[in-house]
PDB file of N, CA and C in Angstrom:
ATOM      1  N   MET A   1     -14.038   1.109  21.599  1.00  0.00           N
ATOM      2  CA  MET A   1     -12.970   0.481  22.343  1.00  0.00           C
ATOM      3  C   MET A   1     -12.832  -0.986  21.955  1.00  0.00           C
ATOM      4  N   LYS A   2     -13.987  -1.662  21.868  1.00  0.00           N
ATOM      5  CA  LYS A   2     -13.961  -3.079  21.507  1.00  0.00           C
ATOM      6  C   LYS A   2     -13.416  -3.268  20.093  1.00  0.00           C
ATOM      7  N   ARG A   3     -13.777  -2.334  19.202  1.00  0.00           N
ATOM      8  CA  ARG A   3     -13.297  -2.421  17.816  1.00  0.00           C
ATOM      9  C   ARG A   3     -11.786  -2.230  17.756  1.00  0.00           C
ATOM     10  N   ASP A   4     -11.243  -1.355  18.615  1.00  0.00           N
ATOM     11  CA  ASP A   4      -9.798  -1.146  18.662  1.00  0.00           C
ATOM     12  C   ASP A   4      -9.081  -2.418  19.088  1.00  0.00           C
ATOM     13  N   VAL A   5      -9.598  -3.054  20.114  1.00  0.00           N
ATOM     14  CA  VAL A   5      -8.993  -4.295  20.616  1.00  0.00           C
ATOM     15  C   VAL A   5      -9.089  -5.385  19.556  1.00  0.00           C
ATOM     16  N   GLU A   6     -10.224  -5.482  18.905  1.00  0.00           N
ATOM     17  CA  GLU A   6     -10.416  -6.494  17.861  1.00  0.00           C
ATOM     18  C   GLU A   6      -9.471  -6.248  16.686  1.00  0.00           C
ATOM     19  N   PHE A   7      -9.322  -4.982  16.283  1.00  0.00           N
ATOM     20  CA  PHE A   7      -8.400  -4.672  15.190  1.00  0.00           C
ATOM     21  C   PHE A   7      -6.976  -5.060  15.562  1.00  0.00           C
ATOM     22  N   GLU A   8      -6.538  -4.696  16.753  1.00  0.00           N
ATOM     23  CA  GLU A   8      -5.168  -5.016  17.184  1.00  0.00           C
ATOM     24  C   GLU A   8      -4.946  -6.521  17.238  1.00  0.00           C
ATOM     25  N   ARG A   9      -5.947  -7.251  17.705  1.00  0.00           N
ATOM     26  CA  ARG A   9      -5.829  -8.709  17.752  1.00  0.00           C
ATOM     27  C   ARG A   9      -5.654  -9.277  16.349  1.00  0.00           C
ATOM     28  N   LYS A  10      -6.486  -8.823  15.422  1.00  0.00           N
ATOM     29  CA  LYS A  10      -6.396  -9.304  14.039  1.00  0.00           C
ATOM     30  C   LYS A  10      -5.078  -8.894  13.393  1.00  0.00           C
ATOM     31  N   LYS A  11      -4.646  -7.669  13.664  1.00  0.00           N
ATOM     32  CA  LYS A  11      -3.388  -7.192  13.084  1.00  0.00           C
ATOM     33  C   LYS A  11      -2.223  -8.041  13.577  1.00  0.00           C
ATOM     34  N   GLN A  12      -2.171  -8.300  14.878  1.00  0.00           N
ATOM     35  CA  GLN A  12      -1.078  -9.115  15.424  1.00  0.00           C
ATOM     36  C   GLN A  12      -1.116 -10.532  14.865  1.00  0.00           C
ATOM     37  N   LYS A  13      -2.305 -11.096  14.748  1.00  0.00           N
ATOM     38  CA  LYS A  13      -2.449 -12.445  14.176  1.00  0.00           C
ATOM     39  C   LYS A  13      -1.989 -12.442  12.722  1.00  0.00           C
ATOM     40  N   ALA A  14      -2.386 -11.434  11.967  1.00  0.00           N
ATOM     41  CA  ALA A  14      -1.984 -11.330  10.560  1.00  0.00           C
ATOM     42  C   ALA A  14      -0.472 -11.211  10.433  1.00  0.00           C
ATOM     43  N   LEU A  15       0.145 -10.391  11.274  1.00  0.00           N
ATOM     44  CA  LEU A  15       1.599 -10.217  11.218  1.00  0.00           C
ATOM     45  C   LEU A  15       2.327 -11.507  11.590  1.00  0.00           C
ATOM     46  N   GLU A  16       1.785 -12.250  12.556  1.00  0.00           N
ATOM     47  CA  GLU A  16       2.372 -13.550  12.916  1.00  0.00           C
ATOM     48  C   GLU A  16       2.314 -14.507  11.732  1.00  0.00           C
ATOM     49  N   ILE A  17       1.164 -14.580  11.093  1.00  0.00           N
ATOM     50  CA  ILE A  17       0.996 -15.473   9.941  1.00  0.00           C
ATOM     51  C   ILE A  17       1.938 -15.062   8.817  1.00  0.00           C
ATOM     52  N   LEU A  18       1.973 -13.778   8.514  1.00  0.00           N
ATOM     53  CA  LEU A  18       2.800 -13.284   7.410  1.00  0.00           C
ATOM     54  C   LEU A  18       4.286 -13.491   7.669  1.00  0.00           C
ATOM     55  N   SER A  19       4.713 -13.368   8.916  1.00  0.00           N
ATOM     56  CA  SER A  19       6.139 -13.552   9.209  1.00  0.00           C
ATOM     57  C   SER A  19       6.572 -14.996   8.985  1.00  0.00           C
ATOM     58  N   GLY A  20       5.631 -15.928   9.036  1.00  0.00           N
ATOM     59  CA  GLY A  20       5.950 -17.334   8.808  1.00  0.00           C
ATOM     60  C   GLY A  20       5.842 -17.777   7.360  1.00  0.00           C
ATOM     61  N   THR A  21       5.522 -16.864   6.461  1.00  0.00           N
ATOM     62  CA  THR A  21       5.325 -17.240   5.056  1.00  0.00           C
ATOM     63  C   THR A  21       6.579 -17.128   4.208  1.00  0.00           C
ATOM     64  N   GLY A  22       7.604 -16.476   4.724  1.00  0.00           N
ATOM     65  CA  GLY A  22       8.797 -16.245   3.918  1.00  0.00           C
ATOM     66  C   GLY A  22       8.732 -14.954   3.118  1.00  0.00           C
ATOM     67  N   MET A  23       7.621 -14.226   3.240  1.00  0.00           N
ATOM     68  CA  MET A  23       7.514 -12.931   2.561  1.00  0.00           C
ATOM     69  C   MET A  23       8.412 -11.923   3.271  1.00  0.00           C
ATOM     70  N   TRP A  24       8.957 -11.016   2.509  1.00  0.00           N
ATOM     71  CA  TRP A  24       9.732  -9.936   3.122  1.00  0.00           C
ATOM     72  C   TRP A  24       8.799  -9.070   3.948  1.00  0.00           C
ATOM     73  N   ARG A  25       9.281  -8.661   5.100  1.00  0.00           N
ATOM     74  CA  ARG A  25       8.469  -7.816   5.978  1.00  0.00           C
ATOM     75  C   ARG A  25       8.051  -6.529   5.267  1.00  0.00           C
ATOM     76  N   SER A  26       8.932  -5.998   4.441  1.00  0.00           N
ATOM     77  CA  SER A  26       8.604  -4.756   3.728  1.00  0.00           C
ATOM     78  C   SER A  26       7.491  -4.950   2.707  1.00  0.00           C
ATOM     79  N   ASN A  27       7.192  -6.198   2.342  1.00  0.00           N
ATOM     80  CA  ASN A  27       6.100  -6.468   1.404  1.00  0.00           C
ATOM     81  C   ASN A  27       4.740  -6.495   2.084  1.00  0.00           C
ATOM     82  N   TYR A  28       4.707  -6.745   3.368  1.00  0.00           N
ATOM     83  CA  TYR A  28       3.401  -6.785   4.029  1.00  0.00           C
ATOM     84  C   TYR A  28       3.241  -5.710   5.103  1.00  0.00           C
ATOM     85  N   ALA A  29       4.325  -5.137   5.582  1.00  0.00           N
ATOM     86  CA  ALA A  29       4.249  -4.068   6.579  1.00  0.00           C
ATOM     87  C   ALA A  29       5.423  -3.116   6.385  1.00  0.00           C
ATOM     88  N   PRO A  30       5.364  -2.279   5.343  1.00  0.00           N
ATOM     89  CA  PRO A  30       6.475  -1.354   5.088  1.00  0.00           C
ATOM     90  C   PRO A  30       6.621  -0.333   6.222  1.00  0.00           C
ATOM     91  N   PRO A  31       7.771   0.325   6.286  1.00  0.00           N
ATOM     92  CA  PRO A  31       8.008   1.296   7.362  1.00  0.00           C
ATOM     93  C   PRO A  31       6.916   2.363   7.487  1.00  0.00           C
ATOM     94  N   LEU A  32       6.356   2.793   6.370  1.00  0.00           N
ATOM     95  CA  LEU A  32       5.280   3.779   6.435  1.00  0.00           C
ATOM     96  C   LEU A  32       4.100   3.240   7.238  1.00  0.00           C
ATOM     97  N   TYR A  33       3.799   1.966   7.086  1.00  0.00           N
ATOM     98  CA  TYR A  33       2.704   1.358   7.842  1.00  0.00           C
ATOM     99  C   TYR A  33       2.993   1.380   9.334  1.00  0.00           C
ATOM    100  N   TRP A  34       4.219   1.052   9.716  1.00  0.00           N
ATOM    101  CA  TRP A  34       4.569   1.068  11.141  1.00  0.00           C
ATOM    102  C   TRP A  34       4.376   2.470  11.711  1.00  0.00           C
ATOM    103  N   LEU A  35       4.754   3.471  10.951  1.00  0.00           N
ATOM    104  CA  LEU A  35       4.574   4.850  11.389  1.00  0.00           C
ATOM    105  C   LEU A  35       3.087   5.180  11.531  1.00  0.00           C
ATOM    106  N   LEU A  36       2.297   4.806  10.538  1.00  0.00           N
ATOM    107  CA  LEU A  36       0.857   5.082  10.586  1.00  0.00           C
ATOM    108  C   LEU A  36       0.181   4.323  11.721  1.00  0.00           C
ATOM    109  N   TRP A  37       0.609   3.083  11.966  1.00  0.00           N
ATOM    110  CA  TRP A  37       0.059   2.320  13.095  1.00  0.00           C
ATOM    111  C   TRP A  37       0.379   3.007  14.415  1.00  0.00           C
ATOM    112  N   ARG A  38       1.589   3.511  14.562  1.00  0.00           N
ATOM    113  CA  ARG A  38       1.963   4.207  15.799  1.00  0.00           C
ATOM    114  C   ARG A  38       1.177   5.494  15.970  1.00  0.00           C
ATOM    115  N   MET A  39       0.747   6.070  14.860  1.00  0.00           N
ATOM    116  CA  MET A  39      -0.063   7.288  14.912  1.00  0.00           C
ATOM    117  C   MET A  39      -1.536   6.969  15.169  1.00  0.00           C
ATOM    118  N   GLY A  40      -1.871   5.688  15.268  1.00  0.00           N
ATOM    119  CA  GLY A  40      -3.233   5.289  15.594  1.00  0.00           C
ATOM    120  C   GLY A  40      -4.115   4.928  14.414  1.00  0.00           C
ATOM    121  N   MET A  41      -3.571   4.929  13.208  1.00  0.00           N
ATOM    122  CA  MET A  41      -4.386   4.566  12.044  1.00  0.00           C
ATOM    123  C   MET A  41      -4.625   3.060  12.024  1.00  0.00           C
ATOM    124  N   LYS A  42      -5.801   2.688  11.622  1.00  0.00           N
ATOM    125  CA  LYS A  42      -6.172   1.276  11.572  1.00  0.00           C
ATOM    126  C   LYS A  42      -6.124   0.782  10.132  1.00  0.00           C
ATOM    127  N   LEU A  43      -4.930   0.445   9.690  1.00  0.00           N
ATOM    128  CA  LEU A  43      -4.727  -0.097   8.351  1.00  0.00           C
ATOM    129  C   LEU A  43      -4.373  -1.569   8.467  1.00  0.00           C
ATOM    130  N   ARG A  44      -5.013  -2.374   7.670  1.00  0.00           N
ATOM    131  CA  ARG A  44      -4.678  -3.797   7.645  1.00  0.00           C
ATOM    132  C   ARG A  44      -3.312  -3.977   6.988  1.00  0.00           C
ATOM    133  N   PRO A  45      -2.574  -5.028   7.356  1.00  0.00           N
ATOM    134  CA  PRO A  45      -1.346  -5.327   6.602  1.00  0.00           C
ATOM    135  C   PRO A  45      -1.701  -5.486   5.122  1.00  0.00           C
ATOM    136  N   LEU A  46      -0.789  -5.105   4.252  1.00  0.00           N
ATOM    137  CA  LEU A  46      -1.082  -4.984   2.820  1.00  0.00           C
ATOM    138  C   LEU A  46      -1.798  -6.181   2.191  1.00  0.00           C
ATOM    139  N   PRO A  47      -1.377  -7.425   2.391  1.00  0.00           N
ATOM    140  CA  PRO A  47      -2.101  -8.518   1.734  1.00  0.00           C
ATOM    141  C   PRO A  47      -3.550  -8.676   2.213  1.00  0.00           C
ATOM    142  N   PHE A  48      -3.871  -8.120   3.382  1.00  0.00           N
ATOM    143  CA  PHE A  48      -5.218  -8.254   3.928  1.00  0.00           C
ATOM    144  C   PHE A  48      -6.113  -7.059   3.616  1.00  0.00           C
ATOM    145  N   ASN A  49      -5.562  -6.016   3.022  1.00  0.00           N
ATOM    146  CA  ASN A  49      -6.364  -4.865   2.602  1.00  0.00           C
ATOM    147  C   ASN A  49      -7.270  -5.256   1.443  1.00  0.00           C
ATOM    148  N   THR A  50      -8.304  -4.458   1.238  1.00  0.00           N
ATOM    149  CA  THR A  50      -9.137  -4.667   0.058  1.00  0.00           C
ATOM    150  C   THR A  50      -8.359  -4.208  -1.172  1.00  0.00           C
ATOM    151  N   PHE A  51      -8.774  -4.687  -2.330  1.00  0.00           N
ATOM    152  CA  PHE A  51      -8.103  -4.342  -3.581  1.00  0.00           C
ATOM    153  C   PHE A  51      -8.089  -2.831  -3.780  1.00  0.00           C
ATOM    154  N   SER A  52      -9.233  -2.192  -3.560  1.00  0.00           N
ATOM    155  CA  SER A  52      -9.321  -0.745  -3.801  1.00  0.00           C
ATOM    156  C   SER A  52      -8.445   0.052  -2.839  1.00  0.00           C
ATOM    157  N   VAL A  53      -8.362  -0.359  -1.595  1.00  0.00           N
ATOM    158  CA  VAL A  53      -7.492   0.340  -0.638  1.00  0.00           C
ATOM    159  C   VAL A  53      -6.039   0.202  -1.065  1.00  0.00           C
ATOM    160  N   ASN A  54      -5.652  -0.987  -1.527  1.00  0.00           N
ATOM    161  CA  ASN A  54      -4.276  -1.167  -1.997  1.00  0.00           C
ATOM    162  C   ASN A  54      -3.986  -0.331  -3.240  1.00  0.00           C
ATOM    163  N   VAL A  55      -4.964  -0.200  -4.133  1.00  0.00           N
ATOM    164  CA  VAL A  55      -4.770   0.658  -5.311  1.00  0.00           C
ATOM    165  C   VAL A  55      -4.519   2.096  -4.857  1.00  0.00           C
ATOM    166  N   LEU A  56      -5.358   2.589  -3.964  1.00  0.00           N
ATOM    167  CA  LEU A  56      -5.240   3.982  -3.514  1.00  0.00           C
ATOM    168  C   LEU A  56      -3.954   4.239  -2.734  1.00  0.00           C
ATOM    169  N   LEU A  57      -3.633   3.354  -1.788  1.00  0.00           N
ATOM    170  CA  LEU A  57      -2.444   3.581  -0.964  1.00  0.00           C
ATOM    171  C   LEU A  57      -1.155   3.391  -1.746  1.00  0.00           C
ATOM    172  N   SER A  58      -1.037   2.269  -2.434  1.00  0.00           N
ATOM    173  CA  SER A  58       0.200   1.994  -3.175  1.00  0.00           C
ATOM    174  C   SER A  58       0.406   3.016  -4.283  1.00  0.00           C
ATOM    175  N   GLY A  59      -0.643   3.286  -5.019  1.00  0.00           N
ATOM    176  CA  GLY A  59      -0.531   4.261  -6.094  1.00  0.00           C
ATOM    177  C   GLY A  59      -0.315   5.669  -5.581  1.00  0.00           C
ATOM    178  N   GLY A  60      -0.910   5.978  -4.444  1.00  0.00           N
ATOM    179  CA  GLY A  60      -0.801   7.324  -3.892  1.00  0.00           C
ATOM    180  C   GLY A  60       0.607   7.706  -3.493  1.00  0.00           C
ATOM    181  N   TYR A  61       1.240   6.862  -2.700  1.00  0.00           N
ATOM    182  CA  TYR A  61       2.593   7.235  -2.280  1.00  0.00           C
ATOM    183  C   TYR A  61       3.564   7.169  -3.445  1.00  0.00           C
ATOM    184  N   PHE A  62       3.344   6.239  -4.380  1.00  0.00           N
ATOM    185  CA  PHE A  62       4.219   6.170  -5.552  1.00  0.00           C
ATOM    186  C   PHE A  62       4.103   7.449  -6.378  1.00  0.00           C
ATOM    187  N   ALA A  63       2.872   7.847  -6.696  1.00  0.00           N
ATOM    188  CA  ALA A  63       2.666   9.027  -7.545  1.00  0.00           C
ATOM    189  C   ALA A  63       3.201  10.292  -6.887  1.00  0.00           C
ATOM    190  N   LEU A  64       3.050  10.386  -5.577  1.00  0.00           N
ATOM    191  CA  LEU A  64       3.544  11.566  -4.877  1.00  0.00           C
ATOM    192  C   LEU A  64       5.059  11.703  -5.036  1.00  0.00           C
ATOM    193  N   PHE A  65       5.787  10.661  -4.670  1.00  0.00           N
ATOM    194  CA  PHE A  65       7.250  10.743  -4.722  1.00  0.00           C
ATOM    195  C   PHE A  65       7.777  10.731  -6.156  1.00  0.00           C
ATOM    196  N   TRP A  66       7.211   9.892  -7.000  1.00  0.00           N
ATOM    197  CA  TRP A  66       7.648   9.826  -8.396  1.00  0.00           C
ATOM    198  C   TRP A  66       7.336  11.138  -9.112  1.00  0.00           C
ATOM    199  N   GLY A  67       6.128  11.677  -8.870  1.00  0.00           N
ATOM    200  CA  GLY A  67       5.734  12.924  -9.516  1.00  0.00           C
ATOM    201  C   GLY A  67       6.626  14.092  -9.118  1.00  0.00           C
ATOM    202  N   ILE A  68       6.948  14.186  -7.832  1.00  0.00           N
ATOM    203  CA  ILE A  68       7.839  15.264  -7.374  1.00  0.00           C
ATOM    204  C   ILE A  68       9.223  15.099  -7.986  1.00  0.00           C
ATOM    205  N   PHE A  69       9.730  13.873  -7.974  1.00  0.00           N
ATOM    206  CA  PHE A  69      11.045  13.617  -8.567  1.00  0.00           C
ATOM    207  C   PHE A  69      11.050  13.980 -10.050  1.00  0.00           C
ATOM    208  N   MET A  70      10.042  13.519 -10.781  1.00  0.00           N
ATOM    209  CA  MET A  70       9.981  13.787 -12.219  1.00  0.00           C
ATOM    210  C   MET A  70       9.804  15.278 -12.505  1.00  0.00           C
ATOM    211  N   TRP A  71       9.037  15.971 -11.670  1.00  0.00           N
ATOM    212  CA  TRP A  71       8.826  17.393 -11.892  1.00  0.00           C
ATOM    213  C   TRP A  71      10.147  18.154 -11.828  1.00  0.00           C
ATOM    214  N   PHE A  72      10.914  17.898 -10.783  1.00  0.00           N
ATOM    215  CA  PHE A  72      12.160  18.654 -10.613  1.00  0.00           C
ATOM    216  C   PHE A  72      13.295  18.157 -11.499  1.00  0.00           C
ATOM    217  N   SER A  73      13.282  16.874 -11.842  1.00  0.00           N
ATOM    218  CA  SER A  73      14.395  16.346 -12.637  1.00  0.00           C
ATOM    219  C   SER A  73      14.165  16.439 -14.146  1.00  0.00           C
ATOM    220  N   THR A  74      12.918  16.375 -14.589  1.00  0.00           N
ATOM    221  CA  THR A  74      12.665  16.280 -16.023  1.00  0.00           C
ATOM    222  C   THR A  74      11.611  17.255 -16.530  1.00  0.00           C
ATOM    223  N   TRP A  75      10.433  17.210 -15.943  1.00  0.00           N
ATOM    224  CA  TRP A  75       9.314  17.939 -16.520  1.00  0.00           C
ATOM    225  C   TRP A  75       9.474  19.453 -16.456  1.00  0.00           C
ATOM    226  N   GLN A  76       9.821  19.991 -15.308  1.00  0.00           N
ATOM    227  CA  GLN A  76       9.965  21.442 -15.189  1.00  0.00           C
ATOM    228  C   GLN A  76      11.090  21.968 -16.081  1.00  0.00           C
ATOM    229  N   PRO A  77      12.281  21.325 -16.073  1.00  0.00           N
ATOM    230  CA  PRO A  77      13.337  21.822 -16.968  1.00  0.00           C
ATOM    231  C   PRO A  77      12.957  21.774 -18.451  1.00  0.00           C
ATOM    232  N   ARG A  78      12.078  20.852 -18.823  1.00  0.00           N
ATOM    233  CA  ARG A  78      11.667  20.747 -20.227  1.00  0.00           C
ATOM    234  C   ARG A  78      10.437  21.593 -20.537  1.00  0.00           C
ATOM    235  N   GLY A  79       9.936  22.302 -19.563  1.00  0.00           N
ATOM    236  CA  GLY A  79       8.830  23.221 -19.796  1.00  0.00           C
ATOM    237  C   GLY A  79       7.449  22.584 -19.815  1.00  0.00           C
ATOM    238  N   TYR A  80       7.274  21.421 -19.189  1.00  0.00           N
ATOM    239  CA  TYR A  80       5.948  20.799 -19.132  1.00  0.00           C
ATOM    240  C   TYR A  80       5.000  21.683 -18.331  1.00  0.00           C
ATOM    241  N   HIS A  81       3.765  21.705 -18.744  1.00  0.00           N
ATOM    242  CA  HIS A  81       2.730  22.421 -18.014  1.00  0.00           C
ATOM    243  C   HIS A  81       2.416  21.623 -16.740  1.00  0.00           C
ATOM    244  N   PRO A  82       2.187  22.282 -15.610  1.00  0.00           N
ATOM    245  CA  PRO A  82       1.890  21.557 -14.371  1.00  0.00           C
ATOM    246  C   PRO A  82       0.677  20.626 -14.475  1.00  0.00           C
ATOM    247  N   LEU A  83      -0.340  21.023 -15.242  1.00  0.00           N
ATOM    248  CA  LEU A  83      -1.513  20.169 -15.399  1.00  0.00           C
ATOM    249  C   LEU A  83      -1.146  18.875 -16.123  1.00  0.00           C
ATOM    250  N   THR A  84      -0.284  18.969 -17.114  1.00  0.00           N
ATOM    251  CA  THR A  84       0.185  17.772 -17.820  1.00  0.00           C
ATOM    252  C   THR A  84       0.912  16.853 -16.853  1.00  0.00           C
ATOM    253  N   ALA A  85       1.742  17.428 -16.008  1.00  0.00           N
ATOM    254  CA  ALA A  85       2.480  16.633 -15.022  1.00  0.00           C
ATOM    255  C   ALA A  85       1.520  15.936 -14.061  1.00  0.00           C
ATOM    256  N   LEU A  86       0.477  16.640 -13.627  1.00  0.00           N
ATOM    257  CA  LEU A  86      -0.502  16.037 -12.716  1.00  0.00           C
ATOM    258  C   LEU A  86      -1.262  14.897 -13.382  1.00  0.00           C
ATOM    259  N   ILE A  87      -1.615  15.071 -14.641  1.00  0.00           N
ATOM    260  CA  ILE A  87      -2.338  14.019 -15.364  1.00  0.00           C
ATOM    261  C   ILE A  87      -1.458  12.791 -15.537  1.00  0.00           C
ATOM    262  N   VAL A  88      -0.195  12.995 -15.893  1.00  0.00           N
ATOM    263  CA  VAL A  88       0.730  11.864 -16.050  1.00  0.00           C
ATOM    264  C   VAL A  88       0.939  11.167 -14.706  1.00  0.00           C
ATOM    265  N   ALA A  89       1.101  11.938 -13.630  1.00  0.00           N
ATOM    266  CA  ALA A  89       1.282  11.352 -12.300  1.00  0.00           C
ATOM    267  C   ALA A  89       0.030  10.580 -11.873  1.00  0.00           C
ATOM    268  N   ALA A  90      -1.151  11.087 -12.215  1.00  0.00           N
ATOM    269  CA  ALA A  90      -2.392  10.378 -11.883  1.00  0.00           C
ATOM    270  C   ALA A  90      -2.484   9.062 -12.644  1.00  0.00           C
ATOM    271  N   GLY A  91      -2.079   9.070 -13.903  1.00  0.00           N
ATOM    272  CA  GLY A  91      -2.052   7.829 -14.676  1.00  0.00           C
ATOM    273  C   GLY A  91      -1.064   6.835 -14.103  1.00  0.00           C
ATOM    274  N   ALA A  92       0.096   7.327 -13.687  1.00  0.00           N
ATOM    275  CA  ALA A  92       1.100   6.455 -13.068  1.00  0.00           C
ATOM    276  C   ALA A  92       0.576   5.903 -11.753  1.00  0.00           C
ATOM    277  N   ARG A  93      -0.155   6.739 -11.012  1.00  0.00           N
ATOM    278  CA  ARG A  93      -0.744   6.281  -9.751  1.00  0.00           C
ATOM    279  C   ARG A  93      -1.690   5.120  -9.998  1.00  0.00           C
ATOM    280  N   LEU A  94      -2.550   5.274 -10.974  1.00  0.00           N
ATOM    281  CA  LEU A  94      -3.514   4.224 -11.272  1.00  0.00           C
ATOM    282  C   LEU A  94      -2.817   2.945 -11.725  1.00  0.00           C
ATOM    283  N   LEU A  95      -1.886   3.066 -12.647  1.00  0.00           N
ATOM    284  CA  LEU A  95      -1.184   1.893 -13.161  1.00  0.00           C
ATOM    285  C   LEU A  95      -0.394   1.185 -12.067  1.00  0.00           C
ATOM    286  N   PHE A  96       0.411   1.928 -11.321  1.00  0.00           N
ATOM    287  CA  PHE A  96       1.208   1.331 -10.253  1.00  0.00           C
ATOM    288  C   PHE A  96       0.305   0.751  -9.168  1.00  0.00           C
ATOM    289  N   GLY A  97      -0.739   1.481  -8.803  1.00  0.00           N
ATOM    290  CA  GLY A  97      -1.664   1.002  -7.781  1.00  0.00           C
ATOM    291  C   GLY A  97      -2.348  -0.293  -8.179  1.00  0.00           C
ATOM    292  N   LEU A  98      -2.779  -0.392  -9.434  1.00  0.00           N
ATOM    293  CA  LEU A  98      -3.414  -1.628  -9.910  1.00  0.00           C
ATOM    294  C   LEU A  98      -2.437  -2.801  -9.893  1.00  0.00           C
ATOM    295  N   MET A  99      -1.201  -2.544 -10.313  1.00  0.00           N
ATOM    296  CA  MET A  99      -0.203  -3.623 -10.316  1.00  0.00           C
ATOM    297  C   MET A  99       0.104  -4.097  -8.895  1.00  0.00           C
ATOM    298  N   MET A 100       0.262  -3.172  -7.967  1.00  0.00           N
ATOM    299  CA  MET A 100       0.582  -3.558  -6.594  1.00  0.00           C
ATOM    300  C   MET A 100      -0.606  -4.238  -5.916  1.00  0.00           C
ATOM    301  N   ALA A 101      -1.807  -3.757  -6.167  1.00  0.00           N
ATOM    302  CA  ALA A 101      -2.986  -4.392  -5.583  1.00  0.00           C
ATOM    303  C   ALA A 101      -3.140  -5.812  -6.115  1.00  0.00           C
ATOM    304  N   ALA A 102      -2.873  -6.015  -7.399  1.00  0.00           N
ATOM    305  CA  ALA A 102      -2.921  -7.365  -7.972  1.00  0.00           C
ATOM    306  C   ALA A 102      -1.839  -8.245  -7.356  1.00  0.00           C
ATOM    307  N   PHE A 103      -0.659  -7.681  -7.115  1.00  0.00           N
ATOM    308  CA  PHE A 103       0.428  -8.428  -6.480  1.00  0.00           C
ATOM    309  C   PHE A 103       0.020  -8.890  -5.080  1.00  0.00           C
ATOM    310  N   TYR A 104      -0.555  -7.993  -4.284  1.00  0.00           N
ATOM    311  CA  TYR A 104      -0.950  -8.364  -2.923  1.00  0.00           C
ATOM    312  C   TYR A 104      -2.078  -9.388  -2.930  1.00  0.00           C
ATOM    313  N   LYS A 105      -2.999  -9.256  -3.866  1.00  0.00           N
ATOM    314  CA  LYS A 105      -4.086 -10.234  -3.987  1.00  0.00           C
ATOM    315  C   LYS A 105      -3.518 -11.605  -4.354  1.00  0.00           C
ATOM    316  N   TRP A 106      -2.557 -11.621  -5.280  1.00  0.00           N
ATOM    317  CA  TRP A 106      -1.919 -12.867  -5.689  1.00  0.00           C
ATOM    318  C   TRP A 106      -1.169 -13.497  -4.515  1.00  0.00           C
ATOM    319  N   ARG A 107      -0.443 -12.679  -3.729  1.00  0.00           N
ATOM    320  CA  ARG A 107       0.305 -13.205  -2.586  1.00  0.00           C
ATOM    321  C   ARG A 107      -0.643 -13.817  -1.560  1.00  0.00           C
ATOM    322  N   LEU A 108      -1.794 -13.204  -1.371  1.00  0.00           N
ATOM    323  CA  LEU A 108      -2.782 -13.731  -0.429  1.00  0.00           C
ATOM    324  C   LEU A 108      -3.221 -15.123  -0.850  1.00  0.00           C
ATOM    325  N   LYS A 109      -3.465 -15.300  -2.149  1.00  0.00           N
ATOM    326  CA  LYS A 109      -3.903 -16.603  -2.653  1.00  0.00           C
ATOM    327  C   LYS A 109      -2.751 -17.594  -2.743  1.00  0.00           C
ATOM    328  N   ALA A 110      -1.583 -17.145  -3.204  1.00  0.00           N
ATOM    329  CA  ALA A 110      -0.437 -18.042  -3.380  1.00  0.00           C
ATOM    330  C   ALA A 110       0.035 -18.617  -2.051  1.00  0.00           C
ATOM    331  N   LYS A 111      -0.032 -17.825  -0.997  1.00  0.00           N
ATOM    332  CA  LYS A 111       0.394 -18.281   0.331  1.00  0.00           C
ATOM    333  C   LYS A 111      -0.752 -18.914   1.110  1.00  0.00           C
ATOM    334  N   GLN A 112      -1.915 -19.008   0.481  1.00  0.00           N
ATOM    335  CA  GLN A 112      -3.113 -19.596   1.085  1.00  0.00           C
ATOM    336  C   GLN A 112      -3.411 -18.979   2.452  1.00  0.00           C
ATOM    337  N   LEU A 113      -3.418 -17.660   2.461  1.00  0.00           N
ATOM    338  CA  LEU A 113      -3.672 -16.933   3.696  1.00  0.00           C
ATOM    339  C   LEU A 113      -5.172 -16.785   3.924  1.00  0.00           C
ATOM    340  N   PRO A 114      -5.579 -16.698   5.180  1.00  0.00           N
ATOM    341  CA  PRO A 114      -7.004 -16.466   5.457  1.00  0.00           C
ATOM    342  C   PRO A 114      -7.381 -15.031   5.100  1.00  0.00           C
ATOM    343  N   THR A 115      -8.652 -14.785   4.989  1.00  0.00           N
ATOM    344  CA  THR A 115      -9.107 -13.412   4.778  1.00  0.00           C
ATOM    345  C   THR A 115      -9.051 -12.675   6.115  1.00  0.00           C
ATOM    346  N   TRP A 116      -9.162 -11.366   6.066  1.00  0.00           N
ATOM    347  CA  TRP A 116      -9.150 -10.558   7.282  1.00  0.00           C
ATOM    348  C   TRP A 116     -10.292 -10.972   8.207  1.00  0.00           C
ATOM    349  N   GLU A 117     -11.432 -11.249   7.637  1.00  0.00           N
ATOM    350  CA  GLU A 117     -12.594 -11.628   8.434  1.00  0.00           C
ATOM    351  C   GLU A 117     -12.389 -12.968   9.135  1.00  0.00           C
ATOM    352  N   GLU A 118     -11.570 -13.838   8.567  1.00  0.00           N
ATOM    353  CA  GLU A 118     -11.328 -15.158   9.157  1.00  0.00           C
ATOM    354  C   GLU A 118     -10.301 -15.134  10.290  1.00  0.00           C
ATOM    355  N   LEU A 119      -9.608 -14.034  10.442  1.00  0.00           N
ATOM    356  CA  LEU A 119      -8.589 -13.958  11.505  1.00  0.00           C
ATOM    357  C   LEU A 119      -9.233 -13.894  12.874  1.00  0.00           C
TER     358      LEU A 119
END
């Protein structure tokens, strides 16, 4: 219970700080995050997540939607093997996830934001 209250306090403080930075709200709390927060998940706003969590989350949703789109629009009509499609989507997940995690890390430093632990 105490951890829930502490997380909510830090999340609200982080959102207050981020809203004053000039960053787009969708860059630090996209609609998917609002949905997950309402479902009770304890995810830090994106710039305050760890690098690895940002790689997994950003790359994961990208690969899912991009992979499905590519499968139906390009790969399946051209006869790609499903395993090939999965490998390409996994590579895209890693690449996109690394780029987005680096972006969030850079935004944290560029805006001179505190760490999650300092909130």
